[in-house]
Amino acid sequence: MSSTVRDALTALAALLAPDEPDVAGRVVRAHDDPAAYLRAHADRLDDRGIDEPVPNLAWIALVDALADHRLLAEVDWKEDPAEVLSQLRALRSSPTNAGAWIWLDDARTDVPTYDFLQSAGDGLRDGGTALAVLDIESDCYPLVLLRASRARELVDLATTAGFTAGVLGTSEV
């Protein structure tokens, strides 16, 4: 892979985990030496059905490293909205001001997970936080929270690295 991809992955790690150099380190190791990364993280990758180097290994490494540092919540496509909220609020990147969650007063929790995530994305963005998904082509949503002003950067860096990140909500990024 090119240095452009490596640079984009490193920038993504810095954007989503600015105080956790381990995240960037794991992503770079997965990018630079996929076989060694696979050996070092065989048990974790086996849970994902990965037993050989795959093209998206660095992206999976980013998702797993962020989750290990409580900066990503991986929720099932049919997760109960209350559980989604619980996981989002437990993230270290979760907004701590009460106003960031005011949208919950009017939120519908009797809707499918994706619809709830769209609503949550809109509500959180109103408070300055973006809710984004790092697409790993699975039946789950790896969710991250970041400053809304940096959402476009996340999407662009993911695209540069050859992966897909999307900002949830019906508003434009």
N, C-alpha and C. Protein backbone atom coordinates (compact mmCIF):
# COMPACT_ATOMS: atom_id res chain seq x y z
N MET A 1 0.84 -1.19 0.00
CA MET A 1 0.00 0.00 0.00
C MET A 1 0.88 1.25 0.00
N SER A 2 0.31 2.27 -0.48
CA SER A 2 1.08 3.51 -0.61
C SER A 2 1.25 4.23 0.72
N SER A 3 2.20 5.15 0.72
CA SER A 3 2.39 5.96 1.92
C SER A 3 1.19 6.89 2.14
N THR A 4 0.47 7.23 1.06
CA THR A 4 -0.73 8.05 1.20
C THR A 4 -1.77 7.35 2.06
N VAL A 5 -1.95 6.06 1.82
CA VAL A 5 -2.89 5.27 2.62
C VAL A 5 -2.42 5.21 4.06
N ARG A 6 -1.15 4.94 4.25
CA ARG A 6 -0.59 4.87 5.61
C ARG A 6 -0.76 6.20 6.33
N ASP A 7 -0.49 7.29 5.63
CA ASP A 7 -0.64 8.61 6.22
C ASP A 7 -2.10 8.89 6.59
N ALA A 8 -3.02 8.50 5.73
CA ALA A 8 -4.44 8.72 6.02
C ALA A 8 -4.88 7.89 7.22
N LEU A 9 -4.42 6.65 7.31
CA LEU A 9 -4.76 5.81 8.46
C LEU A 9 -4.20 6.39 9.75
N THR A 10 -2.98 6.89 9.69
CA THR A 10 -2.35 7.51 10.86
C THR A 10 -3.14 8.76 11.28
N ALA A 11 -3.54 9.55 10.30
CA ALA A 11 -4.32 10.76 10.59
C ALA A 11 -5.69 10.40 11.17
N LEU A 12 -6.30 9.35 10.68
CA LEU A 12 -7.58 8.89 11.24
C LEU A 12 -7.42 8.50 12.70
N ALA A 13 -6.38 7.75 12.99
CA ALA A 13 -6.12 7.34 14.38
C ALA A 13 -5.91 8.57 15.26
N ALA A 14 -5.16 9.55 14.77
CA ALA A 14 -4.93 10.77 15.54
C ALA A 14 -6.21 11.57 15.72
N LEU A 15 -7.05 11.59 14.72
CA LEU A 15 -8.33 12.31 14.81
C LEU A 15 -9.25 11.67 15.84
N LEU A 16 -9.36 10.36 15.82
CA LEU A 16 -10.31 9.67 16.69
C LEU A 16 -9.75 9.29 18.05
N ALA A 17 -8.43 9.25 18.16
CA ALA A 17 -7.80 8.88 19.43
C ALA A 17 -6.56 9.75 19.65
N PRO A 18 -6.75 11.06 19.80
CA PRO A 18 -5.60 11.96 19.87
C PRO A 18 -4.65 11.71 21.04
N ASP A 19 -5.15 11.14 22.11
CA ASP A 19 -4.31 10.93 23.29
C ASP A 19 -3.91 9.47 23.47
N GLU A 20 -4.10 8.66 22.43
CA GLU A 20 -3.81 7.23 22.51
C GLU A 20 -2.90 6.80 21.37
N PRO A 21 -1.60 6.98 21.49
CA PRO A 21 -0.69 6.61 20.41
C PRO A 21 -0.74 5.12 20.06
N ASP A 22 -1.22 4.30 21.00
CA ASP A 22 -1.35 2.86 20.73
C ASP A 22 -2.28 2.60 19.54
N VAL A 23 -3.30 3.44 19.37
CA VAL A 23 -4.24 3.23 18.26
C VAL A 23 -3.51 3.38 16.94
N ALA A 24 -2.79 4.46 16.77
CA ALA A 24 -2.04 4.66 15.52
C ALA A 24 -0.99 3.56 15.35
N GLY A 25 -0.35 3.18 16.43
CA GLY A 25 0.66 2.12 16.36
C GLY A 25 0.09 0.82 15.84
N ARG A 26 -1.07 0.44 16.34
CA ARG A 26 -1.69 -0.81 15.90
C ARG A 26 -2.11 -0.73 14.43
N VAL A 27 -2.65 0.40 14.05
CA VAL A 27 -3.09 0.57 12.66
C VAL A 27 -1.89 0.50 11.71
N VAL A 28 -0.82 1.17 12.08
CA VAL A 28 0.38 1.17 11.24
C VAL A 28 0.97 -0.24 11.17
N ARG A 29 1.01 -0.97 12.29
CA ARG A 29 1.53 -2.34 12.26
C ARG A 29 0.68 -3.22 11.35
N ALA A 30 -0.65 -3.07 11.41
CA ALA A 30 -1.52 -3.87 10.55
C ALA A 30 -1.31 -3.52 9.08
N HIS A 31 -1.05 -2.27 8.82
CA HIS A 31 -0.79 -1.82 7.45
C HIS A 31 0.57 -2.30 6.94
N ASP A 32 1.62 -2.11 7.76
CA ASP A 32 2.98 -2.39 7.33
C ASP A 32 3.32 -3.88 7.32
N ASP A 33 2.78 -4.63 8.27
CA ASP A 33 3.11 -6.06 8.37
C ASP A 33 1.87 -6.84 8.76
N PRO A 34 0.96 -7.04 7.81
CA PRO A 34 -0.31 -7.70 8.12
C PRO A 34 -0.14 -9.09 8.74
N ALA A 35 0.82 -9.85 8.28
CA ALA A 35 1.00 -11.21 8.81
C ALA A 35 1.39 -11.17 10.29
N ALA A 36 2.29 -10.27 10.66
CA ALA A 36 2.69 -10.15 12.06
C ALA A 36 1.52 -9.65 12.91
N TYR A 37 0.77 -8.69 12.38
CA TYR A 37 -0.39 -8.19 13.12
C TYR A 37 -1.40 -9.32 13.34
N LEU A 38 -1.62 -10.11 12.32
CA LEU A 38 -2.55 -11.23 12.42
C LEU A 38 -2.10 -12.22 13.51
N ARG A 39 -0.82 -12.51 13.53
CA ARG A 39 -0.31 -13.43 14.57
C ARG A 39 -0.49 -12.83 15.97
N ALA A 40 -0.19 -11.55 16.11
CA ALA A 40 -0.26 -10.90 17.42
C ALA A 40 -1.70 -10.76 17.93
N HIS A 41 -2.65 -10.71 17.02
CA HIS A 41 -4.05 -10.48 17.42
C HIS A 41 -4.96 -11.59 16.90
N ALA A 42 -4.42 -12.80 16.82
CA ALA A 42 -5.14 -13.92 16.22
C ALA A 42 -6.47 -14.20 16.92
N ASP A 43 -6.49 -14.20 18.24
CA ASP A 43 -7.74 -14.51 18.95
C ASP A 43 -8.82 -13.48 18.63
N ARG A 44 -8.47 -12.24 18.70
CA ARG A 44 -9.44 -11.17 18.43
C ARG A 44 -9.92 -11.22 16.99
N LEU A 45 -9.01 -11.42 16.07
CA LEU A 45 -9.38 -11.47 14.65
C LEU A 45 -10.17 -12.72 14.32
N ASP A 46 -9.89 -13.81 15.03
CA ASP A 46 -10.65 -15.05 14.83
C ASP A 46 -12.13 -14.83 15.14
N ASP A 47 -12.41 -13.99 16.14
CA ASP A 47 -13.80 -13.66 16.48
C ASP A 47 -14.51 -12.98 15.32
N ARG A 48 -13.75 -12.34 14.44
CA ARG A 48 -14.30 -11.67 13.26
C ARG A 48 -14.25 -12.56 12.02
N GLY A 49 -13.77 -13.79 12.19
CA GLY A 49 -13.66 -14.70 11.06
C GLY A 49 -12.47 -14.39 10.17
N ILE A 50 -11.47 -13.72 10.72
CA ILE A 50 -10.27 -13.37 9.95
C ILE A 50 -9.13 -14.26 10.41
N ASP A 51 -8.64 -15.10 9.50
CA ASP A 51 -7.53 -15.98 9.84
C ASP A 51 -6.36 -15.86 8.87
N GLU A 52 -6.42 -14.86 8.02
CA GLU A 52 -5.32 -14.56 7.11
C GLU A 52 -5.37 -13.07 6.80
N PRO A 53 -4.26 -12.50 6.37
CA PRO A 53 -4.27 -11.07 6.05
C PRO A 53 -5.35 -10.76 5.00
N VAL A 54 -6.12 -9.72 5.26
CA VAL A 54 -7.19 -9.29 4.36
C VAL A 54 -6.94 -7.82 4.01
N PRO A 55 -7.49 -7.37 2.88
CA PRO A 55 -7.23 -6.00 2.45
C PRO A 55 -7.64 -4.92 3.45
N ASN A 56 -8.65 -5.19 4.28
CA ASN A 56 -9.12 -4.17 5.22
C ASN A 56 -8.58 -4.38 6.63
N LEU A 57 -7.46 -5.09 6.76
CA LEU A 57 -6.94 -5.41 8.10
C LEU A 57 -6.59 -4.15 8.90
N ALA A 58 -6.02 -3.15 8.28
CA ALA A 58 -5.68 -1.92 9.01
C ALA A 58 -6.94 -1.22 9.49
N TRP A 59 -8.01 -1.27 8.71
CA TRP A 59 -9.29 -0.67 9.09
C TRP A 59 -9.88 -1.42 10.29
N ILE A 60 -9.81 -2.74 10.25
CA ILE A 60 -10.28 -3.57 11.37
C ILE A 60 -9.42 -3.28 12.60
N ALA A 61 -8.12 -3.11 12.39
CA ALA A 61 -7.23 -2.78 13.51
C ALA A 61 -7.64 -1.45 14.14
N LEU A 62 -8.01 -0.48 13.31
CA LEU A 62 -8.47 0.81 13.83
C LEU A 62 -9.72 0.63 14.67
N VAL A 63 -10.69 -0.11 14.16
CA VAL A 63 -11.94 -0.35 14.89
C VAL A 63 -11.66 -1.04 16.22
N ASP A 64 -10.87 -2.09 16.19
CA ASP A 64 -10.58 -2.83 17.43
C ASP A 64 -9.80 -1.99 18.43
N ALA A 65 -8.82 -1.23 17.96
CA ALA A 65 -8.03 -0.40 18.87
C ALA A 65 -8.89 0.70 19.49
N LEU A 66 -9.74 1.32 18.69
CA LEU A 66 -10.64 2.35 19.23
C LEU A 66 -11.58 1.73 20.27
N ALA A 67 -12.10 0.55 19.99
CA ALA A 67 -12.98 -0.12 20.96
C ALA A 67 -12.23 -0.43 22.25
N ASP A 68 -10.99 -0.89 22.13
CA ASP A 68 -10.19 -1.21 23.32
C ASP A 68 -9.96 0.01 24.20
N HIS A 69 -9.96 1.18 23.60
CA HIS A 69 -9.73 2.42 24.35
C HIS A 69 -11.04 3.17 24.64
N ARG A 70 -12.14 2.47 24.51
CA ARG A 70 -13.49 3.01 24.78
C ARG A 70 -13.77 4.27 23.96
N LEU A 71 -13.35 4.23 22.69
CA LEU A 71 -13.59 5.34 21.77
C LEU A 71 -14.48 4.91 20.60
N LEU A 72 -14.97 3.68 20.64
CA LEU A 72 -15.85 3.16 19.60
C LEU A 72 -16.81 2.18 20.24
N ALA A 73 -18.07 2.26 19.84
CA ALA A 73 -19.09 1.30 20.28
C ALA A 73 -19.54 0.51 19.07
N GLU A 74 -19.44 -0.78 19.14
CA GLU A 74 -19.87 -1.63 18.03
C GLU A 74 -21.22 -2.22 18.39
N VAL A 75 -22.27 -1.76 17.71
CA VAL A 75 -23.62 -2.21 18.04
C VAL A 75 -24.21 -3.01 16.88
N ASP A 76 -25.02 -3.96 17.22
CA ASP A 76 -25.69 -4.81 16.25
C ASP A 76 -26.70 -4.00 15.44
N TRP A 77 -26.97 -4.43 14.24
CA TRP A 77 -27.89 -3.71 13.35
C TRP A 77 -29.31 -3.68 13.90
N LYS A 78 -29.62 -4.55 14.85
CA LYS A 78 -30.96 -4.56 15.43
C LYS A 78 -30.92 -4.35 16.95
N GLU A 79 -29.93 -3.59 17.39
CA GLU A 79 -29.75 -3.30 18.82
C GLU A 79 -30.87 -2.39 19.32
N ASP A 80 -31.27 -2.60 20.54
CA ASP A 80 -32.27 -1.76 21.18
C ASP A 80 -31.71 -0.35 21.36
N PRO A 81 -32.46 0.69 21.01
CA PRO A 81 -31.97 2.05 21.16
C PRO A 81 -31.45 2.38 22.56
N ALA A 82 -32.06 1.84 23.59
CA ALA A 82 -31.58 2.11 24.95
C ALA A 82 -30.16 1.58 25.14
N GLU A 83 -29.86 0.43 24.56
CA GLU A 83 -28.52 -0.13 24.65
C GLU A 83 -27.54 0.69 23.82
N VAL A 84 -27.98 1.15 22.65
CA VAL A 84 -27.14 2.02 21.82
C VAL A 84 -26.76 3.26 22.62
N LEU A 85 -27.74 3.88 23.24
CA LEU A 85 -27.47 5.08 24.05
C LEU A 85 -26.51 4.79 25.19
N SER A 86 -26.71 3.68 25.85
CA SER A 86 -25.84 3.31 26.95
C SER A 86 -24.39 3.19 26.48
N GLN A 87 -24.20 2.56 25.33
CA GLN A 87 -22.85 2.39 24.81
C GLN A 87 -22.24 3.72 24.35
N LEU A 88 -23.05 4.55 23.71
CA LEU A 88 -22.54 5.86 23.27
C LEU A 88 -22.14 6.73 24.45
N ARG A 89 -22.97 6.73 25.47
CA ARG A 89 -22.68 7.57 26.64
C ARG A 89 -21.47 7.08 27.42
N ALA A 90 -21.14 5.79 27.28
CA ALA A 90 -19.98 5.22 27.98
C ALA A 90 -18.66 5.51 27.26
N LEU A 91 -18.74 6.01 26.02
CA LEU A 91 -17.52 6.30 25.28
C LEU A 91 -16.77 7.47 25.92
N ARG A 92 -15.46 7.40 25.89
CA ARG A 92 -14.64 8.51 26.42
C ARG A 92 -14.84 9.78 25.61
N SER A 93 -15.25 9.65 24.37
CA SER A 93 -15.47 10.80 23.49
C SER A 93 -16.89 11.34 23.58
N SER A 94 -17.69 10.77 24.45
CA SER A 94 -19.09 11.20 24.60
C SER A 94 -19.16 12.60 25.21
N PRO A 95 -20.05 13.43 24.68
CA PRO A 95 -20.20 14.77 25.27
C PRO A 95 -20.69 14.66 26.72
N THR A 96 -20.12 15.47 27.58
CA THR A 96 -20.45 15.39 29.00
C THR A 96 -21.45 16.45 29.44
N ASN A 97 -21.68 17.45 28.60
CA ASN A 97 -22.65 18.47 29.00
C ASN A 97 -24.07 17.95 28.79
N ALA A 98 -24.94 18.23 29.72
CA ALA A 98 -26.32 17.73 29.69
C ALA A 98 -27.05 18.18 28.43
N GLY A 99 -26.73 19.35 27.94
CA GLY A 99 -27.39 19.87 26.75
C GLY A 99 -27.17 19.03 25.50
N ALA A 100 -26.07 18.29 25.46
CA ALA A 100 -25.78 17.46 24.30
C ALA A 100 -26.78 16.33 24.14
N TRP A 101 -27.47 15.99 25.21
CA TRP A 101 -28.40 14.88 25.18
C TRP A 101 -29.86 15.33 25.28
N ILE A 102 -30.12 16.62 25.17
CA ILE A 102 -31.48 17.15 25.31
C ILE A 102 -32.41 16.59 24.24
N TRP A 103 -31.89 16.26 23.09
CA TRP A 103 -32.68 15.70 22.00
C TRP A 103 -33.37 14.40 22.40
N LEU A 104 -32.86 13.74 23.44
CA LEU A 104 -33.48 12.49 23.89
C LEU A 104 -34.90 12.67 24.39
N ASP A 105 -35.21 13.89 24.85
CA ASP A 105 -36.56 14.15 25.35
C ASP A 105 -37.62 13.88 24.29
N ASP A 106 -37.27 14.11 23.02
CA ASP A 106 -38.22 13.92 21.93
C ASP A 106 -37.89 12.73 21.03
N ALA A 107 -36.87 11.97 21.39
CA ALA A 107 -36.43 10.87 20.54
C ALA A 107 -37.39 9.69 20.60
N ARG A 108 -37.61 9.10 19.44
CA ARG A 108 -38.41 7.87 19.37
C ARG A 108 -37.47 6.69 19.54
N THR A 109 -37.80 5.84 20.48
CA THR A 109 -36.96 4.66 20.72
C THR A 109 -37.65 3.38 20.26
N ASP A 110 -38.79 3.52 19.61
CA ASP A 110 -39.52 2.35 19.12
C ASP A 110 -39.33 2.17 17.61
N VAL A 111 -38.20 2.61 17.11
CA VAL A 111 -37.92 2.55 15.68
C VAL A 111 -36.74 1.61 15.44
N PRO A 112 -36.54 1.17 14.21
CA PRO A 112 -35.37 0.33 13.91
C PRO A 112 -34.07 1.05 14.26
N THR A 113 -33.05 0.28 14.54
CA THR A 113 -31.76 0.82 14.97
C THR A 113 -31.23 1.90 14.04
N TYR A 114 -31.25 1.66 12.73
CA TYR A 114 -30.71 2.63 11.79
C TYR A 114 -31.46 3.95 11.89
N ASP A 115 -32.78 3.90 11.98
CA ASP A 115 -33.57 5.12 12.10
C ASP A 115 -33.23 5.86 13.38
N PHE A 116 -33.04 5.11 14.46
CA PHE A 116 -32.66 5.73 15.72
C PHE A 116 -31.27 6.38 15.61
N LEU A 117 -30.34 5.71 14.95
CA LEU A 117 -29.01 6.27 14.78
C LEU A 117 -29.04 7.56 13.96
N GLN A 118 -29.90 7.61 12.95
CA GLN A 118 -30.04 8.84 12.17
C GLN A 118 -30.54 9.98 13.06
N SER A 119 -31.54 9.67 13.87
CA SER A 119 -32.09 10.67 14.78
C SER A 119 -31.03 11.10 15.81
N ALA A 120 -30.30 10.13 16.33
CA ALA A 120 -29.24 10.44 17.29
C ALA A 120 -28.16 11.31 16.64
N GLY A 121 -27.84 11.01 15.39
CA GLY A 121 -26.85 11.81 14.68
C GLY A 121 -27.28 13.26 14.56
N ASP A 122 -28.57 13.48 14.24
CA ASP A 122 -29.08 14.84 14.16
C ASP A 122 -29.05 15.53 15.52
N GLY A 123 -29.52 14.82 16.55
CA GLY A 123 -29.56 15.41 17.88
C GLY A 123 -28.19 15.75 18.42
N LEU A 124 -27.26 14.85 18.25
CA LEU A 124 -25.90 15.10 18.73
C LEU A 124 -25.24 16.23 17.95
N ARG A 125 -25.48 16.29 16.64
CA ARG A 125 -24.87 17.35 15.82
C ARG A 125 -25.35 18.72 16.27
N ASP A 126 -26.61 18.81 16.67
CA ASP A 126 -27.12 20.09 17.17
C ASP A 126 -26.31 20.58 18.37
N GLY A 127 -25.71 19.64 19.11
CA GLY A 127 -24.88 19.99 20.27
C GLY A 127 -23.40 20.05 19.94
N GLY A 128 -23.04 19.91 18.66
CA GLY A 128 -21.64 20.04 18.26
C GLY A 128 -20.87 18.74 18.14
N THR A 129 -21.57 17.61 18.25
CA THR A 129 -20.91 16.30 18.17
C THR A 129 -21.43 15.55 16.96
N ALA A 130 -20.54 14.92 16.23
CA ALA A 130 -20.94 14.07 15.11
C ALA A 130 -20.93 12.62 15.54
N LEU A 131 -21.93 11.89 15.10
CA LEU A 131 -22.01 10.44 15.28
C LEU A 131 -21.67 9.84 13.92
N ALA A 132 -20.62 9.04 13.88
CA ALA A 132 -20.18 8.46 12.61
C ALA A 132 -20.02 6.95 12.73
N VAL A 133 -20.11 6.31 11.59
CA VAL A 133 -19.95 4.86 11.51
C VAL A 133 -18.75 4.55 10.62
N LEU A 134 -17.92 3.63 11.08
CA LEU A 134 -16.78 3.14 10.30
C LEU A 134 -17.23 1.82 9.69
N ASP A 135 -17.54 1.83 8.43
CA ASP A 135 -18.13 0.67 7.76
C ASP A 135 -17.11 -0.45 7.60
N ILE A 136 -17.40 -1.60 8.23
CA ILE A 136 -16.54 -2.77 8.10
C ILE A 136 -17.25 -3.87 7.32
N GLU A 137 -18.29 -3.50 6.58
CA GLU A 137 -19.04 -4.43 5.75
C GLU A 137 -19.51 -5.63 6.56
N SER A 138 -20.18 -5.32 7.66
CA SER A 138 -20.69 -6.32 8.57
C SER A 138 -22.11 -5.94 8.96
N ASP A 139 -22.72 -6.75 9.79
CA ASP A 139 -24.09 -6.46 10.23
C ASP A 139 -24.09 -5.69 11.55
N CYS A 140 -23.07 -4.88 11.73
CA CYS A 140 -22.98 -4.05 12.93
C CYS A 140 -22.63 -2.63 12.53
N TYR A 141 -22.75 -1.76 13.49
CA TYR A 141 -22.38 -0.36 13.31
C TYR A 141 -21.24 -0.02 14.27
N PRO A 142 -20.01 0.09 13.79
CA PRO A 142 -18.93 0.59 14.63
C PRO A 142 -19.07 2.12 14.71
N LEU A 143 -19.47 2.63 15.87
CA LEU A 143 -19.83 4.03 16.03
C LEU A 143 -18.76 4.81 16.78
N VAL A 144 -18.48 6.00 16.29
CA VAL A 144 -17.55 6.91 16.95
C VAL A 144 -18.21 8.27 17.10
N LEU A 145 -17.73 9.01 18.08
CA LEU A 145 -18.17 10.38 18.31
C LEU A 145 -16.98 11.31 18.15
N LEU A 146 -17.19 12.43 17.50
CA LEU A 146 -16.13 13.41 17.33
C LEU A 146 -16.76 14.78 17.16
N ARG A 147 -15.94 15.80 17.22
CA ARG A 147 -16.46 17.16 17.01
C ARG A 147 -17.10 17.24 15.64
N ALA A 148 -18.28 17.82 15.57
CA ALA A 148 -19.00 17.93 14.31
C ALA A 148 -18.19 18.67 13.26
N SER A 149 -17.40 19.62 13.68
CA SER A 149 -16.58 20.40 12.75
C SER A 149 -15.51 19.56 12.05
N ARG A 150 -15.26 18.35 12.55
CA ARG A 150 -14.23 17.48 11.97
C ARG A 150 -14.81 16.28 11.23
N ALA A 151 -16.14 16.25 11.10
CA ALA A 151 -16.80 15.11 10.46
C ALA A 151 -16.38 14.93 9.01
N ARG A 152 -16.31 16.01 8.25
CA ARG A 152 -15.91 15.92 6.84
C ARG A 152 -14.49 15.38 6.73
N GLU A 153 -13.63 15.78 7.64
CA GLU A 153 -12.25 15.29 7.66
C GLU A 153 -12.21 13.78 7.85
N LEU A 154 -13.04 13.27 8.75
CA LEU A 154 -13.12 11.82 8.97
C LEU A 154 -13.50 11.10 7.69
N VAL A 155 -14.55 11.57 7.05
CA VAL A 155 -15.03 10.94 5.81
C VAL A 155 -13.94 10.99 4.73
N ASP A 156 -13.31 12.14 4.58
CA ASP A 156 -12.28 12.29 3.55
C ASP A 156 -11.06 11.42 3.81
N LEU A 157 -10.62 11.35 5.05
CA LEU A 157 -9.47 10.51 5.39
C LEU A 157 -9.79 9.04 5.15
N ALA A 158 -10.97 8.61 5.53
CA ALA A 158 -11.36 7.22 5.29
C ALA A 158 -11.35 6.91 3.80
N THR A 159 -11.89 7.82 3.00
CA THR A 159 -11.91 7.63 1.56
C THR A 159 -10.49 7.54 1.00
N THR A 160 -9.62 8.43 1.46
CA THR A 160 -8.23 8.41 1.01
C THR A 160 -7.56 7.09 1.35
N ALA A 161 -7.90 6.53 2.51
CA ALA A 161 -7.33 5.25 2.94
C ALA A 161 -7.97 4.06 2.23
N GLY A 162 -9.06 4.31 1.49
CA GLY A 162 -9.72 3.23 0.76
C GLY A 162 -10.86 2.58 1.51
N PHE A 163 -11.37 3.26 2.54
CA PHE A 163 -12.45 2.70 3.35
C PHE A 163 -13.61 3.68 3.40
N THR A 164 -14.65 3.30 4.12
CA THR A 164 -15.85 4.12 4.17
C THR A 164 -16.21 4.48 5.60
N ALA A 165 -16.37 5.76 5.82
CA ALA A 165 -16.91 6.28 7.08
C ALA A 165 -18.08 7.16 6.68
N GLY A 166 -19.13 7.09 7.46
CA GLY A 166 -20.28 7.92 7.17
C GLY A 166 -20.75 8.62 8.43
N VAL A 167 -21.26 9.81 8.24
CA VAL A 167 -21.80 10.58 9.36
C VAL A 167 -23.30 10.32 9.40
N LEU A 168 -23.78 9.95 10.57
CA LEU A 168 -25.20 9.64 10.72
C LEU A 168 -26.00 10.89 11.00
N GLY A 169 -27.20 10.91 10.51
CA GLY A 169 -28.09 12.04 10.65
C GLY A 169 -28.57 12.45 9.27
N THR A 170 -29.65 13.18 9.24
CA THR A 170 -30.21 13.56 7.95
C THR A 170 -29.68 14.89 7.45
N SER A 171 -28.97 15.62 8.32
CA SER A 171 -28.38 16.90 7.93
C SER A 171 -27.12 16.65 7.11
N GLU A 172 -26.77 17.61 6.31
CA GLU A 172 -25.54 17.52 5.53
C GLU A 172 -24.33 17.73 6.44
N VAL A 173 -23.22 17.10 6.06
CA VAL A 173 -21.97 17.26 6.82
C VAL A 173 -21.35 18.58 6.46
